Amino acid sequence: MKEKDLIFFQPLWRRIAVTLFCLAWSLYEWLSGAQLWGMITAGLAIYCYWCLFHTFQPVKPADPSSR
């Protein structure tokens, strides 16, 4: 991920929201009968989980007292 992406996804609620949105979109596609788009969005949800939870390395703020 790029540095600007790491900064944007630091709050846990954003990572959860994006992943749940992808899961809900996938569920909608599957229930409406669009299996191809359901598979694509399910893959996107899995990718979100992998990048935003499994391998995500939070950026720790610099300690101002160490300067």
PDB file of N, CA and C in Angstrom:
ATOM      1  N   MET A   1       0.826  -1.171   0.000  1.00  0.00           N
ATOM      2  CA  MET A   1       0.000   0.000   0.000  1.00  0.00           C
ATOM      3  C   MET A   1       0.878   1.245   0.000  1.00  0.00           C
ATOM      4  N   LYS A   2       0.351   2.288  -0.567  1.00  0.00           N
ATOM      5  CA  LYS A   2       1.080   3.547  -0.584  1.00  0.00           C
ATOM      6  C   LYS A   2       0.942   4.244   0.759  1.00  0.00           C
ATOM      7  N   GLU A   3       1.839   5.173   1.003  1.00  0.00           N
ATOM      8  CA  GLU A   3       1.848   5.860   2.295  1.00  0.00           C
ATOM      9  C   GLU A   3       0.540   6.599   2.551  1.00  0.00           C
ATOM     10  N   LYS A   4      -0.012   7.235   1.532  1.00  0.00           N
ATOM     11  CA  LYS A   4      -1.276   7.960   1.739  1.00  0.00           C
ATOM     12  C   LYS A   4      -2.408   6.995   2.078  1.00  0.00           C
ATOM     13  N   ASP A   5      -2.359   5.769   1.545  1.00  0.00           N
ATOM     14  CA  ASP A   5      -3.361   4.769   1.898  1.00  0.00           C
ATOM     15  C   ASP A   5      -3.191   4.318   3.339  1.00  0.00           C
ATOM     16  N   LEU A   6      -1.966   4.167   3.767  1.00  0.00           N
ATOM     17  CA  LEU A   6      -1.713   3.764   5.147  1.00  0.00           C
ATOM     18  C   LEU A   6      -2.228   4.805   6.130  1.00  0.00           C
ATOM     19  N   ILE A   7      -2.069   6.063   5.801  1.00  0.00           N
ATOM     20  CA  ILE A   7      -2.555   7.133   6.666  1.00  0.00           C
ATOM     21  C   ILE A   7      -4.082   7.133   6.687  1.00  0.00           C
ATOM     22  N   PHE A   8      -4.718   6.964   5.547  1.00  0.00           N
ATOM     23  CA  PHE A   8      -6.174   6.982   5.484  1.00  0.00           C
ATOM     24  C   PHE A   8      -6.781   5.830   6.275  1.00  0.00           C
ATOM     25  N   PHE A   9      -6.186   4.664   6.217  1.00  0.00           N
ATOM     26  CA  PHE A   9      -6.746   3.481   6.862  1.00  0.00           C
ATOM     27  C   PHE A   9      -6.245   3.250   8.290  1.00  0.00           C
ATOM     28  N   GLN A  10      -5.624   4.222   8.909  1.00  0.00           N
ATOM     29  CA  GLN A  10      -5.176   4.053  10.285  1.00  0.00           C
ATOM     30  C   GLN A  10      -6.332   3.813  11.257  1.00  0.00           C
ATOM     31  N   PRO A  11      -7.419   4.575  11.184  1.00  0.00           N
ATOM     32  CA  PRO A  11      -8.526   4.294  12.108  1.00  0.00           C
ATOM     33  C   PRO A  11      -9.173   2.940  11.786  1.00  0.00           C
ATOM     34  N   LEU A  12      -9.397   2.164  12.816  1.00  0.00           N
ATOM     35  CA  LEU A  12      -9.971   0.834  12.640  1.00  0.00           C
ATOM     36  C   LEU A  12     -11.351   0.888  12.009  1.00  0.00           C
ATOM     37  N   TRP A  13     -12.147   1.899  12.336  1.00  0.00           N
ATOM     38  CA  TRP A  13     -13.506   1.964  11.818  1.00  0.00           C
ATOM     39  C   TRP A  13     -13.527   2.104  10.297  1.00  0.00           C
ATOM     40  N   ARG A  14     -12.543   2.757   9.713  1.00  0.00           N
ATOM     41  CA  ARG A  14     -12.501   2.880   8.254  1.00  0.00           C
ATOM     42  C   ARG A  14     -12.216   1.535   7.600  1.00  0.00           C
ATOM     43  N   ARG A  15     -11.305   0.769   8.187  1.00  0.00           N
ATOM     44  CA  ARG A  15     -10.990  -0.548   7.638  1.00  0.00           C
ATOM     45  C   ARG A  15     -12.194  -1.473   7.741  1.00  0.00           C
ATOM     46  N   ILE A  16     -12.895  -1.416   8.870  1.00  0.00           N
ATOM     47  CA  ILE A  16     -14.093  -2.243   9.043  1.00  0.00           C
ATOM     48  C   ILE A  16     -15.174  -1.815   8.063  1.00  0.00           C
ATOM     49  N   ALA A  17     -15.386  -0.506   7.921  1.00  0.00           N
ATOM     50  CA  ALA A  17     -16.432   0.009   7.038  1.00  0.00           C
ATOM     51  C   ALA A  17     -16.202  -0.402   5.582  1.00  0.00           C
ATOM     52  N   VAL A  18     -14.985  -0.287   5.109  1.00  0.00           N
ATOM     53  CA  VAL A  18     -14.684  -0.647   3.720  1.00  0.00           C
ATOM     54  C   VAL A  18     -14.890  -2.143   3.493  1.00  0.00           C
ATOM     55  N   THR A  19     -14.426  -2.952   4.428  1.00  0.00           N
ATOM     56  CA  THR A  19     -14.571  -4.398   4.286  1.00  0.00           C
ATOM     57  C   THR A  19     -16.035  -4.815   4.351  1.00  0.00           C
ATOM     58  N   LEU A  20     -16.800  -4.250   5.281  1.00  0.00           N
ATOM     59  CA  LEU A  20     -18.231  -4.578   5.368  1.00  0.00           C
ATOM     60  C   LEU A  20     -19.003  -4.100   4.152  1.00  0.00           C
ATOM     61  N   PHE A  21     -18.612  -2.954   3.600  1.00  0.00           N
ATOM     62  CA  PHE A  21     -19.257  -2.479   2.381  1.00  0.00           C
ATOM     63  C   PHE A  21     -19.052  -3.470   1.236  1.00  0.00           C
ATOM     64  N   CYS A  22     -17.843  -3.963   1.097  1.00  0.00           N
ATOM     65  CA  CYS A  22     -17.566  -4.938   0.035  1.00  0.00           C
ATOM     66  C   CYS A  22     -18.330  -6.239   0.261  1.00  0.00           C
ATOM     67  N   LEU A  23     -18.429  -6.673   1.521  1.00  0.00           N
ATOM     68  CA  LEU A  23     -19.206  -7.879   1.818  1.00  0.00           C
ATOM     69  C   LEU A  23     -20.685  -7.678   1.516  1.00  0.00           C
ATOM     70  N   ALA A  24     -21.231  -6.522   1.889  1.00  0.00           N
ATOM     71  CA  ALA A  24     -22.639  -6.241   1.619  1.00  0.00           C
ATOM     72  C   ALA A  24     -22.902  -6.166   0.115  1.00  0.00           C
ATOM     73  N   TRP A  25     -21.988  -5.571  -0.610  1.00  0.00           N
ATOM     74  CA  TRP A  25     -22.127  -5.477  -2.066  1.00  0.00           C
ATOM     75  C   TRP A  25     -22.108  -6.877  -2.676  1.00  0.00           C
ATOM     76  N   SER A  26     -21.230  -7.710  -2.194  1.00  0.00           N
ATOM     77  CA  SER A  26     -21.157  -9.083  -2.685  1.00  0.00           C
ATOM     78  C   SER A  26     -22.449  -9.833  -2.389  1.00  0.00           C
ATOM     79  N   LEU A  27     -22.966  -9.685  -1.188  1.00  0.00           N
ATOM     80  CA  LEU A  27     -24.223 -10.339  -0.825  1.00  0.00           C
ATOM     81  C   LEU A  27     -25.360  -9.860  -1.713  1.00  0.00           C
ATOM     82  N   TYR A  28     -25.410  -8.566  -1.973  1.00  0.00           N
ATOM     83  CA  TYR A  28     -26.435  -8.020  -2.861  1.00  0.00           C
ATOM     84  C   TYR A  28     -26.339  -8.639  -4.257  1.00  0.00           C
ATOM     85  N   GLU A  29     -25.133  -8.723  -4.789  1.00  0.00           N
ATOM     86  CA  GLU A  29     -24.952  -9.281  -6.131  1.00  0.00           C
ATOM     87  C   GLU A  29     -25.353 -10.752  -6.167  1.00  0.00           C
ATOM     88  N   TRP A  30     -24.982 -11.516  -5.152  1.00  0.00           N
ATOM     89  CA  TRP A  30     -25.347 -12.932  -5.132  1.00  0.00           C
ATOM     90  C   TRP A  30     -26.857 -13.102  -5.039  1.00  0.00           C
ATOM     91  N   LEU A  31     -27.506 -12.305  -4.190  1.00  0.00           N
ATOM     92  CA  LEU A  31     -28.952 -12.432  -4.014  1.00  0.00           C
ATOM     93  C   LEU A  31     -29.739 -11.938  -5.221  1.00  0.00           C
ATOM     94  N   SER A  32     -29.170 -11.038  -5.995  1.00  0.00           N
ATOM     95  CA  SER A  32     -29.859 -10.555  -7.197  1.00  0.00           C
ATOM     96  C   SER A  32     -29.590 -11.453  -8.409  1.00  0.00           C
ATOM     97  N   GLY A  33     -28.783 -12.487  -8.227  1.00  0.00           N
ATOM     98  CA  GLY A  33     -28.564 -13.459  -9.292  1.00  0.00           C
ATOM     99  C   GLY A  33     -27.376 -13.184 -10.192  1.00  0.00           C
ATOM    100  N   ALA A  34     -26.555 -12.211  -9.841  1.00  0.00           N
ATOM    101  CA  ALA A  34     -25.393 -11.880 -10.662  1.00  0.00           C
ATOM    102  C   ALA A  34     -24.170 -12.588 -10.077  1.00  0.00           C
ATOM    103  N   GLN A  35     -23.990 -13.858 -10.451  1.00  0.00           N
ATOM    104  CA  GLN A  35     -22.920 -14.652  -9.856  1.00  0.00           C
ATOM    105  C   GLN A  35     -21.535 -14.118 -10.193  1.00  0.00           C
ATOM    106  N   LEU A  36     -21.341 -13.635 -11.403  1.00  0.00           N
ATOM    107  CA  LEU A  36     -20.026 -13.112 -11.786  1.00  0.00           C
ATOM    108  C   LEU A  36     -19.644 -11.923 -10.914  1.00  0.00           C
ATOM    109  N   TRP A  37     -20.544 -10.954 -10.795  1.00  0.00           N
ATOM    110  CA  TRP A  37     -20.250  -9.786  -9.970  1.00  0.00           C
ATOM    111  C   TRP A  37     -20.180 -10.167  -8.499  1.00  0.00           C
ATOM    112  N   GLY A  38     -20.930 -11.169  -8.099  1.00  0.00           N
ATOM    113  CA  GLY A  38     -20.832 -11.659  -6.731  1.00  0.00           C
ATOM    114  C   GLY A  38     -19.455 -12.228  -6.440  1.00  0.00           C
ATOM    115  N   MET A  39     -18.907 -12.970  -7.394  1.00  0.00           N
ATOM    116  CA  MET A  39     -17.561 -13.516  -7.221  1.00  0.00           C
ATOM    117  C   MET A  39     -16.509 -12.414  -7.228  1.00  0.00           C
ATOM    118  N   ILE A  40     -16.680 -11.434  -8.098  1.00  0.00           N
ATOM    119  CA  ILE A  40     -15.714 -10.329  -8.173  1.00  0.00           C
ATOM    120  C   ILE A  40     -15.709  -9.539  -6.869  1.00  0.00           C
ATOM    121  N   THR A  41     -16.894  -9.192  -6.375  1.00  0.00           N
ATOM    122  CA  THR A  41     -16.958  -8.399  -5.151  1.00  0.00           C
ATOM    123  C   THR A  41     -16.569  -9.226  -3.920  1.00  0.00           C
ATOM    124  N   ALA A  42     -16.824 -10.533  -3.942  1.00  0.00           N
ATOM    125  CA  ALA A  42     -16.359 -11.386  -2.841  1.00  0.00           C
ATOM    126  C   ALA A  42     -14.827 -11.420  -2.841  1.00  0.00           C
ATOM    127  N   GLY A  43     -14.228 -11.487  -3.999  1.00  0.00           N
ATOM    128  CA  GLY A  43     -12.772 -11.414  -4.090  1.00  0.00           C
ATOM    129  C   GLY A  43     -12.241 -10.086  -3.591  1.00  0.00           C
ATOM    130  N   LEU A  44     -12.965  -9.027  -3.894  1.00  0.00           N
ATOM    131  CA  LEU A  44     -12.579  -7.707  -3.407  1.00  0.00           C
ATOM    132  C   LEU A  44     -12.669  -7.644  -1.877  1.00  0.00           C
ATOM    133  N   ALA A  45     -13.691  -8.243  -1.313  1.00  0.00           N
ATOM    134  CA  ALA A  45     -13.839  -8.273   0.147  1.00  0.00           C
ATOM    135  C   ALA A  45     -12.716  -9.085   0.783  1.00  0.00           C
ATOM    136  N   ILE A  46     -12.356 -10.182   0.170  1.00  0.00           N
ATOM    137  CA  ILE A  46     -11.245 -10.998   0.689  1.00  0.00           C
ATOM    138  C   ILE A  46      -9.939 -10.215   0.598  1.00  0.00           C
ATOM    139  N   TYR A  47      -9.744  -9.510  -0.492  1.00  0.00           N
ATOM    140  CA  TYR A  47      -8.547  -8.686  -0.644  1.00  0.00           C
ATOM    141  C   TYR A  47      -8.508  -7.586   0.414  1.00  0.00           C
ATOM    142  N   CYS A  48      -9.668  -6.959   0.696  1.00  0.00           N
ATOM    143  CA  CYS A  48      -9.736  -5.939   1.749  1.00  0.00           C
ATOM    144  C   CYS A  48      -9.351  -6.534   3.093  1.00  0.00           C
ATOM    145  N   TYR A  49      -9.886  -7.707   3.400  1.00  0.00           N
ATOM    146  CA  TYR A  49      -9.524  -8.346   4.666  1.00  0.00           C
ATOM    147  C   TYR A  49      -8.017  -8.591   4.722  1.00  0.00           C
ATOM    148  N   TRP A  50      -7.473  -9.122   3.647  1.00  0.00           N
ATOM    149  CA  TRP A  50      -6.047  -9.459   3.626  1.00  0.00           C
ATOM    150  C   TRP A  50      -5.180  -8.210   3.826  1.00  0.00           C
ATOM    151  N   CYS A  51      -5.480  -7.154   3.086  1.00  0.00           N
ATOM    152  CA  CYS A  51      -4.650  -5.948   3.153  1.00  0.00           C
ATOM    153  C   CYS A  51      -4.917  -5.106   4.403  1.00  0.00           C
ATOM    154  N   LEU A  52      -6.174  -5.045   4.844  1.00  0.00           N
ATOM    155  CA  LEU A  52      -6.530  -4.118   5.909  1.00  0.00           C
ATOM    156  C   LEU A  52      -6.524  -4.729   7.302  1.00  0.00           C
ATOM    157  N   PHE A  53      -6.474  -6.062   7.388  1.00  0.00           N
ATOM    158  CA  PHE A  53      -6.467  -6.686   8.708  1.00  0.00           C
ATOM    159  C   PHE A  53      -5.313  -7.673   8.878  1.00  0.00           C
ATOM    160  N   HIS A  54      -5.153  -8.561   7.936  1.00  0.00           N
ATOM    161  CA  HIS A  54      -4.173  -9.632   8.087  1.00  0.00           C
ATOM    162  C   HIS A  54      -2.728  -9.123   7.988  1.00  0.00           C
ATOM    163  N   THR A  55      -2.443  -8.299   7.005  1.00  0.00           N
ATOM    164  CA  THR A  55      -1.069  -7.837   6.794  1.00  0.00           C
ATOM    165  C   THR A  55      -0.876  -6.359   7.097  1.00  0.00           C
ATOM    166  N   PHE A  56      -1.877  -5.689   7.654  1.00  0.00           N
ATOM    167  CA  PHE A  56      -1.805  -4.247   7.903  1.00  0.00           C
ATOM    168  C   PHE A  56      -0.836  -3.954   9.036  1.00  0.00           C
ATOM    169  N   GLN A  57       0.082  -3.039   8.795  1.00  0.00           N
ATOM    170  CA  GLN A  57       1.048  -2.609   9.802  1.00  0.00           C
ATOM    171  C   GLN A  57       0.717  -1.160  10.173  1.00  0.00           C
ATOM    172  N   PRO A  58       0.124  -0.942  11.350  1.00  0.00           N
ATOM    173  CA  PRO A  58      -0.213   0.439  11.731  1.00  0.00           C
ATOM    174  C   PRO A  58       1.040   1.312  11.829  1.00  0.00           C
ATOM    175  N   VAL A  59       0.898   2.547  11.435  1.00  0.00           N
ATOM    176  CA  VAL A  59       1.993   3.514  11.529  1.00  0.00           C
ATOM    177  C   VAL A  59       1.940   4.110  12.927  1.00  0.00           C
ATOM    178  N   LYS A  60       3.025   3.970  13.642  1.00  0.00           N
ATOM    179  CA  LYS A  60       3.088   4.525  14.990  1.00  0.00           C
ATOM    180  C   LYS A  60       3.536   5.974  14.895  1.00  0.00           C
ATOM    181  N   PRO A  61       2.861   6.866  15.612  1.00  0.00           N
ATOM    182  CA  PRO A  61       3.286   8.276  15.565  1.00  0.00           C
ATOM    183  C   PRO A  61       4.671   8.445  16.187  1.00  0.00           C
ATOM    184  N   ALA A  62       5.402   9.390  15.657  1.00  0.00           N
ATOM    185  CA  ALA A  62       6.752   9.639  16.172  1.00  0.00           C
ATOM    186  C   ALA A  62       6.649  10.215  17.579  1.00  0.00           C
ATOM    187  N   ASP A  63       7.536   9.789  18.437  1.00  0.00           N
ATOM    188  CA  ASP A  63       7.572  10.256  19.821  1.00  0.00           C
ATOM    189  C   ASP A  63       8.244  11.633  19.858  1.00  0.00           C
ATOM    190  N   PRO A  64       7.505  12.683  20.222  1.00  0.00           N
ATOM    191  CA  PRO A  64       8.109  14.026  20.202  1.00  0.00           C
ATOM    192  C   PRO A  64       9.207  14.206  21.250  1.00  0.00           C
ATOM    193  N   SER A  65       9.230  13.394  22.295  1.00  0.00           N
ATOM    194  CA  SER A  65      10.252  13.533  23.326  1.00  0.00           C
ATOM    195  C   SER A  65      11.600  12.926  22.928  1.00  0.00           C
ATOM    196  N   SER A  66      11.632  12.191  21.799  1.00  0.00           N
ATOM    197  CA  SER A  66      12.873  11.551  21.371  1.00  0.00           C
ATOM    198  C   SER A  66      13.738  12.465  20.526  1.00  0.00           C
ATOM    199  N   ARG A  67      13.284  13.659  20.251  1.00  0.00           N
ATOM    200  CA  ARG A  67      14.041  14.582  19.400  1.00  0.00           C
ATOM    201  C   ARG A  67      15.104  15.298  20.157  1.00  0.00           C
TER     202      ARG A  67
END
